[in-house]
C-alpha cells in the first residue's frame, strides 16, 4: 500500500501544476509528439513554451550552437488526437521539409528547411549560452483546433536532450480554463456518474439488508467495490474541477483520486476472477486458484500504475510510450486471466478454450454475441446464467477498450464523450453484475439450490 502511494505521489505530483513539464533524455528519434491541446482562436488560446534545457550532439559536427540539418520544435494544427499520434510515425524524409505549422523554433542550421513556416524563431543550446528561452505562441493560434507540439531532428546518428515547460489554457468569459476544450466537462460528467453510483450503492445496501439471510461474502465485496468507485468518481470530479479552474491540483486531492482508483480496478478484476471461478455459487462454491488470483492482482497493479503515469504525463515525456504499451498489455492479460476459469467451464476441450481466448482478445464482440445466444437458447437455468455472465464481462471489456480508442478518434472538442462512454460502461457493468448476483428471497434461493445440486458437474458443450 505504501509503495502504491509513493508511486502515485511521484507521478501525480509532477502534473499538479500550472506549468506542464516535459523532459526527454538522449533521444535519437527524428520526430516526437510532445503534447496536444484543444485551443480557442486567438485571443482565447494561450500557449507559452519555455526551453529550460536543450543540448545535442549534432552541434559538434558543424560548430558551436549550430547543426548541419534542421532541429527544433513545431506547432501543428489538427482536429483529432489520432492524427497527432500517427504523425509521429511518418518519418520519411526530414520533417522540417513538410511541416505546416504556424510557428517553428529552430537551432541555427547549415541546411535551412525548404518549407517556409509562418513564423520562425531561432533557438540556442543551453550548453553554449545557458539561458532560458520563453516563446509566446498565443498570437499564432489563429484558428480553433487541436494544436500539437512536435520535436524534430533531421540529423542522423545524433541525440538530443531537452526540458520544456508549457503554460497553456483557454480564456472563456474572462476566466482561464486549463483543460483542453474537449475535457472541460469532465468534472460535470464524473459528478453526475458519482450521484448515479451513490444511488445504486444505497439501493444495493438496502437490498442486502432486506435479504440479509442470503447475503454471502461476495455480496459485501460487491458493495465495497461500488462504494470505492463512488469515492473515485467524487474525487475525480474535484480533481478535474481544480485542474480546469486553477491549473493546479492539491497533492492530497491527487492522491485521493489516483490511489483509490488503482485499488478499485484491482479489486474489480479480483471479483471478476472469483465470479468466473465459481466461488460465488449458492451451493458447492469452488475454491479459486490462488496463483491465478495473485497473477491477476499483480498484472492489474502494474497496468494501473502505468495508467497513472500515462494519465499525468505529457505524451512526449520519457517512457510515456513504453508505459502506455505496458499498460495495455498488462491490462489485457489481467482481463483475459480473470475470465479464463469461465472459459474452462463453458468450453470442454482445450482447442475450444484457446479459440475462445483468441476470439476474446481479437474479436470480443463476436464472442459476447455467441455466449449471449448460447445463454438465451440453453435449456438449463444454470447454464444460461454462466453464459450470460461471460457475455456481460466480455461486453464490458470491449466497451472500455472502445472508449479508450474513441478518445483519440473523436473531434478535439468532443473527447468528453469517450469519458462518458467509459463511466457509463463501468457503472452499467456494476449494476448488471449486481443484478445477476443479487441475493434471492428464501423461496427463490431454494429453487436455485435445487437446480445447482442437480447440475453440480458443469460441463458445457461448445
Protein backbone atom coordinates (compact mmCIF):
# COMPACT_ATOMS: atom_id res chain seq x y z
CA UNK A 1 0.00 0.00 0.00
CA UNK A 2 2.77 2.45 0.92
CA UNK A 3 4.63 1.58 -2.29
CA UNK A 4 1.46 2.31 -4.29
CA UNK A 5 1.02 5.67 -2.54
CA UNK A 6 4.68 6.53 -3.19
CA UNK A 7 4.38 5.73 -6.90
CA UNK A 8 1.17 7.75 -7.27
CA UNK A 9 2.79 10.57 -5.28
CA UNK A 10 5.80 10.53 -7.60
CA UNK A 11 3.76 10.67 -10.80
CA UNK A 12 0.75 12.74 -9.81
CA UNK A 13 2.90 15.36 -8.13
CA UNK A 14 4.57 16.18 -11.42
CA UNK A 15 1.33 17.10 -13.17
CA UNK A 16 -0.17 19.08 -10.30
CA UNK A 17 0.97 22.47 -11.54
CA UNK A 18 0.07 25.29 -13.91
CA UNK A 19 3.16 24.53 -15.99
CA UNK A 20 3.36 21.18 -17.73
CA UNK A 21 6.96 19.98 -17.77
CA UNK A 22 8.31 17.68 -20.48
CA UNK A 23 11.74 16.10 -20.13
CA UNK A 24 13.43 13.92 -22.77
CA UNK A 25 16.91 12.44 -22.36
CA UNK A 26 19.31 11.44 -25.16
CA UNK A 27 16.70 10.76 -27.81
CA UNK A 28 17.68 9.88 -31.36
CA UNK A 29 14.08 9.81 -32.66
CA UNK A 30 13.63 12.02 -35.73
CA UNK A 31 10.13 13.06 -34.62
CA UNK A 32 8.42 13.11 -31.19
CA UNK A 33 4.85 14.11 -30.42
CA UNK A 34 5.19 16.13 -27.22
CA UNK A 35 1.70 17.39 -26.34
CA UNK A 36 -1.73 18.16 -27.80
CA UNK A 37 -4.23 20.74 -26.53
CA UNK A 38 -7.57 21.99 -27.84
CA UNK A 39 -7.38 25.78 -28.16
CA UNK A 40 -9.85 28.51 -28.92
CA UNK A 41 -8.92 31.00 -31.62
CA UNK A 42 -6.80 33.97 -30.56
CA UNK A 43 -7.14 35.78 -28.18
CA UNK A 44 -8.88 32.90 -26.38
CA UNK A 45 -5.99 30.43 -26.59
CA UNK A 46 -2.75 30.95 -24.69
CA UNK A 47 0.42 28.90 -25.16
CA UNK A 48 3.86 29.74 -23.87
CA UNK A 49 6.84 27.39 -24.24
CA UNK A 50 9.91 27.79 -22.06
CA UNK A 51 13.05 25.91 -23.14
CA UNK A 52 14.91 25.18 -19.91
CA UNK A 53 17.47 22.78 -21.37
CA UNK A 54 18.42 21.99 -24.95
CA UNK A 55 21.58 20.03 -25.75
CA UNK A 56 22.51 17.98 -28.79
CA UNK A 57 25.47 16.04 -30.13
CA UNK A 58 24.71 17.36 -33.62
CA UNK A 59 26.22 20.77 -32.88
CA UNK A 60 29.79 19.49 -32.57
CA UNK A 61 29.90 18.47 -36.24
CA UNK A 62 29.34 21.98 -37.56
CA UNK A 63 30.14 24.49 -34.93
CA UNK A 64 29.15 25.82 -31.55
CA UNK A 65 25.37 26.08 -31.28
CA UNK A 66 24.70 25.10 -34.91
CA UNK A 67 23.56 21.92 -36.65
CA UNK A 68 24.03 20.63 -40.16
CA UNK A 69 20.36 19.77 -40.69
CA UNK A 70 17.26 21.34 -39.08
CA UNK A 71 16.42 20.59 -35.44
CA UNK A 72 13.77 22.24 -33.31
CA UNK A 73 10.08 22.40 -32.39
CA UNK A 74 6.96 22.96 -34.48
CA UNK A 75 3.31 23.60 -33.67
CA UNK A 76 0.85 21.76 -35.93
CA UNK A 77 -2.92 22.25 -36.09
CA UNK A 78 -5.31 19.30 -36.47
CA UNK A 79 -8.70 18.04 -35.37
CA UNK A 80 -8.13 14.57 -33.83
CA UNK A 81 -5.57 13.16 -31.45
CA UNK A 82 -5.11 10.06 -33.60
CA UNK A 83 -3.68 12.27 -36.36
CA UNK A 84 -1.08 13.69 -33.99
CA UNK A 85 -0.03 10.24 -32.79
CA UNK A 86 0.12 8.76 -36.27
CA UNK A 87 2.14 11.75 -37.45
CA UNK A 88 4.91 10.67 -35.10
CA UNK A 89 5.46 7.51 -37.16
CA UNK A 90 5.56 9.23 -40.56
CA UNK A 91 9.29 9.62 -40.69
CA UNK A 92 10.00 9.53 -44.41
CA UNK A 93 12.49 12.32 -45.04
CA UNK A 94 13.13 15.35 -42.90
CA UNK A 95 10.01 16.56 -41.12
CA UNK A 96 11.21 20.16 -41.41
CA UNK A 97 10.63 20.00 -45.17
CA UNK A 98 6.94 19.15 -44.86
CA UNK A 99 5.59 20.74 -41.68
CA UNK A 100 2.64 23.08 -41.94
CA UNK A 101 2.80 24.75 -38.55
CA UNK A 102 2.39 28.48 -38.00
CA UNK A 103 5.42 28.73 -35.75
CA UNK A 104 8.70 26.80 -35.82
CA UNK A 105 11.59 27.17 -33.38
CA UNK A 106 14.92 26.16 -34.95
CA UNK A 107 18.54 25.89 -33.96
CA UNK A 108 20.96 27.58 -36.34
CA UNK A 109 21.45 25.20 -39.27
CA UNK A 110 23.70 24.93 -42.31
CA UNK A 111 20.88 23.47 -44.43
CA UNK A 112 17.69 25.50 -43.92
CA UNK A 113 14.36 23.72 -44.50
CA UNK A 114 12.71 24.00 -47.88
CA UNK A 115 9.31 24.77 -46.33
CA UNK A 116 8.81 28.30 -45.03
CA UNK A 117 6.60 28.47 -41.93
CA UNK A 118 4.54 31.49 -40.99
CA UNK A 119 6.93 32.36 -38.18
CA UNK A 120 10.47 31.19 -37.42
CA UNK A 121 12.16 31.57 -34.03
CA UNK A 122 15.88 30.97 -33.57
CA UNK A 123 16.93 28.88 -30.60
CA UNK A 124 20.28 28.27 -28.95
CA UNK A 125 21.62 25.32 -26.99
CA UNK A 126 21.88 25.73 -23.23
CA UNK A 127 25.38 24.20 -23.17
CA UNK A 128 26.60 27.18 -25.24
CA UNK A 129 24.53 30.06 -23.79
CA UNK A 130 22.88 28.64 -20.66
CA UNK A 131 19.91 31.00 -20.91
CA UNK A 132 16.24 30.07 -20.57
CA UNK A 133 14.21 30.88 -23.70
CA UNK A 134 10.50 31.74 -23.50
CA UNK A 135 8.41 31.61 -26.67
CA UNK A 136 4.89 33.02 -26.65
CA UNK A 137 2.81 31.28 -29.34
CA UNK A 138 -0.55 32.71 -28.29
CA UNK A 139 -0.86 35.14 -31.21
CA UNK A 140 -0.05 32.33 -33.64
CA UNK A 141 -3.16 30.33 -32.70
CA UNK A 142 -5.34 31.95 -35.35
CA UNK A 143 -7.97 29.22 -35.63
CA UNK A 144 -9.74 26.98 -33.14
CA UNK A 145 -8.47 23.41 -33.18
CA UNK A 146 -6.22 20.76 -31.69
CA UNK A 147 -2.65 22.07 -31.64
CA UNK A 148 0.15 19.53 -31.32
CA UNK A 149 3.74 20.33 -30.41
CA UNK A 150 6.48 18.21 -32.02
CA UNK A 151 10.23 17.95 -31.67
CA UNK A 152 12.07 17.07 -34.88
CA UNK A 153 15.70 16.17 -35.57
CA UNK A 154 16.84 15.73 -39.17
CA UNK A 155 20.45 15.00 -38.19
CA UNK A 156 21.13 11.23 -38.46
CA UNK A 157 23.09 9.40 -35.76
CA UNK A 158 22.72 12.24 -33.25
CA UNK A 159 20.94 12.62 -29.93
CA UNK A 160 19.17 15.46 -28.20
CA UNK A 161 18.30 16.23 -24.59
CA UNK A 162 15.75 18.88 -23.72
CA UNK A 163 13.44 20.04 -20.95
CA UNK A 164 10.42 22.23 -21.59
CA UNK A 165 7.71 23.95 -19.62
CA UNK A 166 4.34 24.57 -21.29
CA UNK A 167 1.87 27.11 -19.97
CA UNK A 168 -1.39 26.52 -21.85
CA UNK A 169 -5.00 27.50 -21.24
CA UNK A 170 -8.12 28.98 -22.85
CA UNK A 171 -9.79 32.20 -21.73
CA UNK A 172 -13.58 31.70 -21.64
CA UNK A 173 -15.72 34.64 -20.48
CA UNK A 174 -12.66 36.23 -18.93
CA UNK A 175 -11.81 33.10 -16.89
CA UNK A 176 -8.87 30.82 -17.71
CA UNK A 177 -9.65 27.16 -18.39
CA UNK A 178 -6.61 24.90 -18.06
CA UNK A 179 -8.19 21.78 -19.57
CA UNK A 180 -8.32 21.11 -23.29
CA UNK A 181 -11.58 22.13 -24.99
CA UNK A 182 -12.86 18.56 -25.17
CA UNK A 183 -12.14 17.87 -21.49
CA UNK A 184 -13.83 20.93 -19.97
CA UNK A 185 -16.91 18.93 -18.94
CA UNK A 186 -15.10 16.10 -17.13
CA UNK A 187 -15.93 17.46 -13.67
CA UNK A 188 -19.64 17.54 -14.59
CA UNK A 189 -19.56 14.06 -16.17
CA UNK A 190 -17.80 12.44 -13.20
CA UNK A 191 -20.03 14.32 -10.75
CA UNK A 192 -23.23 13.04 -12.38
CA UNK A 193 -21.90 9.48 -12.53
CA UNK A 194 -20.93 9.75 -8.84
CA UNK A 195 -24.55 10.57 -7.99
CA UNK A 196 -25.78 7.58 -10.01
CA UNK A 197 -23.23 5.28 -8.41
CA UNK A 198 -24.05 6.55 -4.91
CA UNK A 199 -27.77 5.95 -5.51
CA UNK A 200 -27.02 2.43 -6.70
CA UNK A 201 -24.82 1.79 -3.63
CA UNK A 202 -27.73 2.84 -1.41
CA UNK A 203 -30.17 0.54 -3.22
CA UNK A 204 -27.70 -2.36 -3.13
CA UNK A 205 -27.08 -1.87 0.58
CA UNK A 206 -30.84 -1.72 1.23
CA UNK A 207 -31.35 -4.96 -0.73
CA UNK A 208 -28.61 -6.68 1.28
CA UNK A 209 -30.31 -5.56 4.47
CA UNK A 210 -33.72 -6.85 3.37
CA UNK A 211 -32.32 -10.24 2.31
CA UNK A 212 -29.58 -10.48 4.91
CA UNK A 213 -30.24 -14.19 5.48
CA UNK A 214 -28.96 -15.00 1.99
CA UNK A 215 -26.08 -12.50 1.96
CA UNK A 216 -22.68 -14.04 1.27
CA UNK A 217 -19.15 -12.65 1.34
CA UNK A 218 -19.16 -11.75 -2.35
CA UNK A 219 -22.28 -9.60 -1.88
CA UNK A 220 -20.43 -7.47 0.68
CA UNK A 221 -17.38 -7.45 -1.58
CA UNK A 222 -19.57 -6.10 -4.37
CA UNK A 223 -20.87 -3.34 -2.09
CA UNK A 224 -17.28 -2.42 -1.20
CA UNK A 225 -16.37 -2.09 -4.89
CA UNK A 226 -19.41 0.11 -5.59
CA UNK A 227 -18.63 2.37 -2.63
CA UNK A 228 -14.97 2.56 -3.65
CA UNK A 229 -15.93 3.51 -7.20
CA UNK A 230 -18.31 6.17 -5.88
CA UNK A 231 -15.42 7.60 -3.89
CA UNK A 232 -13.23 7.57 -7.02
CA UNK A 233 -15.87 9.46 -9.04
CA UNK A 234 -16.35 12.07 -6.33
CA UNK A 235 -12.63 12.81 -6.10
CA UNK A 236 -12.33 12.68 -9.90
CA UNK A 237 -14.92 15.46 -10.14
CA UNK A 238 -12.99 17.58 -7.62
CA UNK A 239 -9.69 16.74 -9.34
CA UNK A 240 -10.85 17.83 -12.81
CA UNK A 241 -12.60 20.93 -11.45
CA UNK A 242 -9.45 22.15 -9.72
CA UNK A 243 -7.33 21.35 -12.76
CA UNK A 244 -9.72 23.25 -15.02
CA UNK A 245 -10.20 26.36 -12.89
CA UNK A 246 -6.80 26.75 -11.22
CA UNK A 247 -4.39 24.78 -13.39
CA UNK A 248 -3.07 23.17 -10.21
CA UNK A 249 -4.32 20.22 -8.15
CA UNK A 250 -3.58 19.93 -4.46
CA UNK A 251 -1.41 16.90 -3.83
CA UNK A 252 -3.80 15.30 -1.28
CA UNK A 253 -6.66 15.50 -3.80
CA UNK A 254 -4.46 13.96 -6.48
CA UNK A 255 -3.62 11.07 -4.15
CA UNK A 256 -7.24 10.67 -3.03
CA UNK A 257 -8.20 10.25 -6.69
CA UNK A 258 -5.40 8.06 -8.05
CA UNK A 259 -4.80 5.64 -5.14
CA UNK A 260 -8.47 4.55 -4.68
CA UNK A 261 -8.82 4.22 -8.45
CA UNK A 262 -5.92 1.79 -8.63
CA UNK A 263 -7.29 -0.18 -5.67
CA UNK A 264 -10.79 -0.26 -7.21
CA UNK A 265 -9.52 -1.57 -10.56
CA UNK A 266 -7.54 -4.32 -8.82
CA UNK A 267 -10.50 -5.24 -6.59
CA UNK A 268 -12.87 -5.37 -9.58
CA UNK A 269 -10.64 -7.79 -11.50
CA UNK A 270 -10.25 -9.95 -8.39
CA UNK A 271 -14.03 -10.03 -8.03
CA UNK A 272 -14.47 -11.00 -11.70
CA UNK A 273 -11.94 -13.80 -11.16
CA UNK A 274 -13.88 -15.05 -8.14
CA UNK A 275 -17.14 -14.98 -10.10
CA UNK A 276 -15.58 -16.76 -13.07
CA UNK A 277 -14.05 -19.39 -10.80
CA UNK A 278 -17.42 -20.34 -9.36
CA UNK A 279 -16.67 -19.01 -5.89
CA UNK A 280 -19.94 -17.06 -5.93
CA UNK A 281 -22.27 -20.02 -6.49
CA UNK A 282 -25.01 -20.53 -3.94
CA UNK A 283 -24.18 -24.19 -3.42
CA UNK A 284 -20.91 -26.05 -3.84
CA UNK A 285 -18.81 -22.89 -4.31
CA UNK A 286 -15.48 -23.64 -5.92
CA UNK A 287 -12.17 -22.66 -4.37
CA UNK A 288 -10.42 -20.10 -6.58
CA UNK A 289 -6.90 -20.75 -7.76
CA UNK A 290 -4.62 -18.68 -5.53
CA UNK A 291 -1.89 -18.49 -8.14
CA UNK A 292 -4.41 -17.11 -10.62
CA UNK A 293 -5.61 -14.50 -8.13
CA UNK A 294 -2.03 -13.40 -7.41
CA UNK A 295 -1.27 -13.15 -11.13
CA UNK A 296 -4.41 -11.09 -11.77
CA UNK A 297 -3.59 -8.79 -8.83
CA UNK A 298 0.00 -8.20 -9.98
CA UNK A 299 -0.97 -7.58 -13.61
CA UNK A 300 -3.80 -5.25 -12.60
CA UNK A 301 -1.48 -3.35 -10.24
CA UNK A 302 1.20 -2.97 -12.93
CA UNK A 303 -1.38 -1.88 -15.50
CA UNK A 304 -2.92 0.77 -13.28
CA UNK A 305 0.37 2.18 -12.02
CA UNK A 306 1.35 2.58 -15.67
CA UNK A 307 -2.03 4.25 -16.25
CA UNK A 308 -1.25 6.81 -13.51
CA UNK A 309 2.00 7.66 -15.33
CA UNK A 310 0.27 7.89 -18.72
CA UNK A 311 -2.60 9.96 -17.32
CA UNK A 312 -0.41 12.50 -15.53
CA UNK A 313 2.43 12.94 -18.03
CA UNK A 314 2.62 14.54 -21.46
CA UNK A 315 2.90 12.18 -24.48
CA UNK A 316 6.41 13.44 -25.21
CA UNK A 317 7.80 12.62 -21.77
CA UNK A 318 10.42 9.93 -21.45
CA UNK A 319 8.97 6.42 -21.04
CA UNK A 320 5.41 7.61 -21.86
CA UNK A 321 5.06 5.38 -24.93
CA UNK A 322 6.57 2.26 -23.25
CA UNK A 323 4.37 2.86 -20.19
CA UNK A 324 1.28 3.11 -22.41
CA UNK A 325 2.17 -0.14 -24.18
CA UNK A 326 2.83 -1.90 -20.88
CA UNK A 327 -0.48 -0.60 -19.52
CA UNK A 328 -2.43 -2.01 -22.47
CA UNK A 329 -0.55 -5.33 -22.39
CA UNK A 330 -0.84 -5.88 -18.63
CA UNK A 331 -4.48 -4.78 -18.62
CA UNK A 332 -5.37 -7.14 -21.47
CA UNK A 333 -3.62 -10.09 -19.81
CA UNK A 334 -5.29 -9.35 -16.47
CA UNK A 335 -8.75 -9.28 -18.08
CA UNK A 336 -8.04 -12.47 -20.01
CA UNK A 337 -6.80 -14.35 -16.93
CA UNK A 338 -9.74 -13.13 -14.86
CA UNK A 339 -12.28 -14.67 -17.23
CA UNK A 340 -10.25 -17.77 -18.15
CA UNK A 341 -11.88 -20.00 -15.46
CA UNK A 342 -15.25 -19.27 -17.05
CA UNK A 343 -13.87 -20.29 -20.45
CA UNK A 344 -12.61 -23.54 -18.93
CA UNK A 345 -16.09 -24.19 -17.55
CA UNK A 346 -18.08 -23.26 -20.63
CA UNK A 347 -15.86 -24.90 -23.23
CA UNK A 348 -14.96 -28.53 -22.67
CA UNK A 349 -11.97 -29.06 -24.99
CA UNK A 350 -8.59 -27.34 -24.99
CA UNK A 351 -9.00 -26.26 -28.62
CA UNK A 352 -12.32 -24.61 -27.81
CA UNK A 353 -10.78 -22.77 -24.85
CA UNK A 354 -7.87 -21.50 -26.94
CA UNK A 355 -10.27 -20.43 -29.68
CA UNK A 356 -12.49 -18.64 -27.17
CA UNK A 357 -9.44 -16.87 -25.69
CA UNK A 358 -8.28 -15.72 -29.13
CA UNK A 359 -11.76 -14.51 -30.03
CA UNK A 360 -11.93 -12.69 -26.70
CA UNK A 361 -8.63 -10.91 -27.39
CA UNK A 362 -9.18 -10.03 -31.06
CA UNK A 363 -12.94 -10.03 -31.52
CA UNK A 364 -14.63 -9.79 -28.13
CA UNK A 365 -17.97 -8.52 -29.58
CA UNK A 366 -18.36 -11.74 -31.60
CA UNK A 367 -17.57 -13.88 -28.56
CA UNK A 368 -20.00 -11.84 -26.45
CA UNK A 369 -22.77 -12.29 -29.03
CA UNK A 370 -22.06 -16.02 -29.25
CA UNK A 371 -22.21 -16.54 -25.48
CA UNK A 372 -25.37 -14.40 -25.29
CA UNK A 373 -27.02 -16.57 -27.94
CA UNK A 374 -25.93 -19.77 -26.17
CA UNK A 375 -27.21 -18.48 -22.86
CA UNK A 376 -30.56 -17.41 -24.29
CA UNK A 377 -31.17 -20.75 -26.04
CA UNK A 378 -29.85 -23.16 -23.40
CA UNK A 379 -32.42 -25.18 -21.52
CA UNK A 380 -30.72 -25.31 -18.09
CA UNK A 381 -31.04 -22.12 -15.99
CA UNK A 382 -27.55 -22.61 -14.53
CA UNK A 383 -26.08 -22.86 -18.00
CA UNK A 384 -27.90 -19.72 -19.09
CA UNK A 385 -26.59 -17.82 -16.09
CA UNK A 386 -22.97 -18.82 -16.79
CA UNK A 387 -23.14 -17.97 -20.49
CA UNK A 388 -24.81 -14.61 -19.91
CA UNK A 389 -22.29 -13.77 -17.17
CA UNK A 390 -19.47 -14.49 -19.62
CA UNK A 391 -21.13 -12.27 -22.20
CA UNK A 392 -21.51 -9.46 -19.66
CA UNK A 393 -17.83 -9.50 -18.70
CA UNK A 394 -16.67 -9.56 -22.33
CA UNK A 395 -19.03 -6.76 -23.35
CA UNK A 396 -17.71 -4.63 -20.51
CA UNK A 397 -14.10 -5.23 -21.56
CA UNK A 398 -14.87 -4.38 -25.18
CA UNK A 399 -16.72 -1.16 -24.37
CA UNK A 400 -13.94 0.00 -22.04
CA UNK A 401 -11.39 -0.58 -24.83
CA UNK A 402 -13.71 1.19 -27.25
CA UNK A 403 -13.88 4.27 -25.01
CA UNK A 404 -10.08 4.46 -24.89
CA UNK A 405 -9.92 4.38 -28.69
CA UNK A 406 -12.75 6.91 -29.03
CA UNK A 407 -10.75 9.49 -27.12
CA UNK A 408 -8.17 9.58 -29.92
CA UNK A 409 -10.64 9.42 -32.82
CA UNK A 410 -13.21 11.99 -31.71
CA UNK A 411 -13.00 15.66 -32.63
CA UNK A 412 -10.87 17.77 -30.29
CA UNK A 413 -13.94 19.39 -28.67
CA UNK A 414 -15.88 16.14 -28.17
CA UNK A 415 -13.41 13.94 -26.31
CA UNK A 416 -15.60 14.16 -23.22
CA UNK A 417 -17.94 11.70 -24.97
CA UNK A 418 -15.27 8.99 -24.72
CA UNK A 419 -15.02 9.56 -20.96
CA UNK A 420 -18.82 9.44 -20.69
CA UNK A 421 -18.87 6.10 -22.55
CA UNK A 422 -16.24 4.74 -20.16
CA UNK A 423 -18.04 5.82 -16.98
CA UNK A 424 -21.47 4.71 -18.20
CA UNK A 425 -20.00 1.33 -19.20
CA UNK A 426 -18.35 0.84 -15.83
CA UNK A 427 -21.38 1.87 -13.75
CA UNK A 428 -23.73 -0.13 -16.01
CA UNK A 429 -21.50 -3.18 -15.67
CA UNK A 430 -21.53 -2.93 -11.88
CA UNK A 431 -25.34 -2.62 -11.87
CA UNK A 432 -25.88 -5.58 -14.23
CA UNK A 433 -23.34 -7.69 -12.34
CA UNK A 434 -25.13 -6.93 -9.08
CA UNK A 435 -28.47 -7.87 -10.61
CA UNK A 436 -27.03 -11.18 -11.80
CA UNK A 437 -25.55 -11.98 -8.37
CA UNK A 438 -28.23 -10.44 -6.15
CA UNK A 439 -29.26 -12.35 -3.02
CA UNK A 440 -32.57 -14.14 -3.58
CA UNK A 441 -35.52 -14.46 -1.21
CA UNK A 442 -35.82 -17.80 0.64
CA UNK A 443 -38.17 -19.39 -1.91
CA UNK A 444 -36.10 -18.37 -4.92
CA UNK A 445 -32.90 -19.46 -3.17
CA UNK A 446 -34.28 -22.93 -2.58
CA UNK A 447 -35.17 -23.30 -6.26
CA UNK A 448 -31.69 -22.20 -7.34
CA UNK A 449 -30.07 -24.60 -4.88
CA UNK A 450 -32.10 -27.50 -6.27
CA UNK A 451 -31.05 -26.60 -9.83
CA UNK A 452 -27.38 -26.30 -8.86
CA UNK A 453 -27.40 -29.58 -6.96
CA UNK A 454 -29.00 -31.38 -9.89
CA UNK A 455 -26.43 -29.85 -12.23
CA UNK A 456 -23.39 -29.90 -9.93
CA UNK A 457 -20.99 -31.03 -12.60
CA UNK A 458 -20.94 -28.14 -15.04
CA UNK A 459 -19.80 -29.45 -18.38
CA UNK A 460 -20.97 -27.33 -21.24
CA UNK A 461 -20.69 -28.31 -24.92
CA UNK A 462 -19.27 -25.81 -27.35
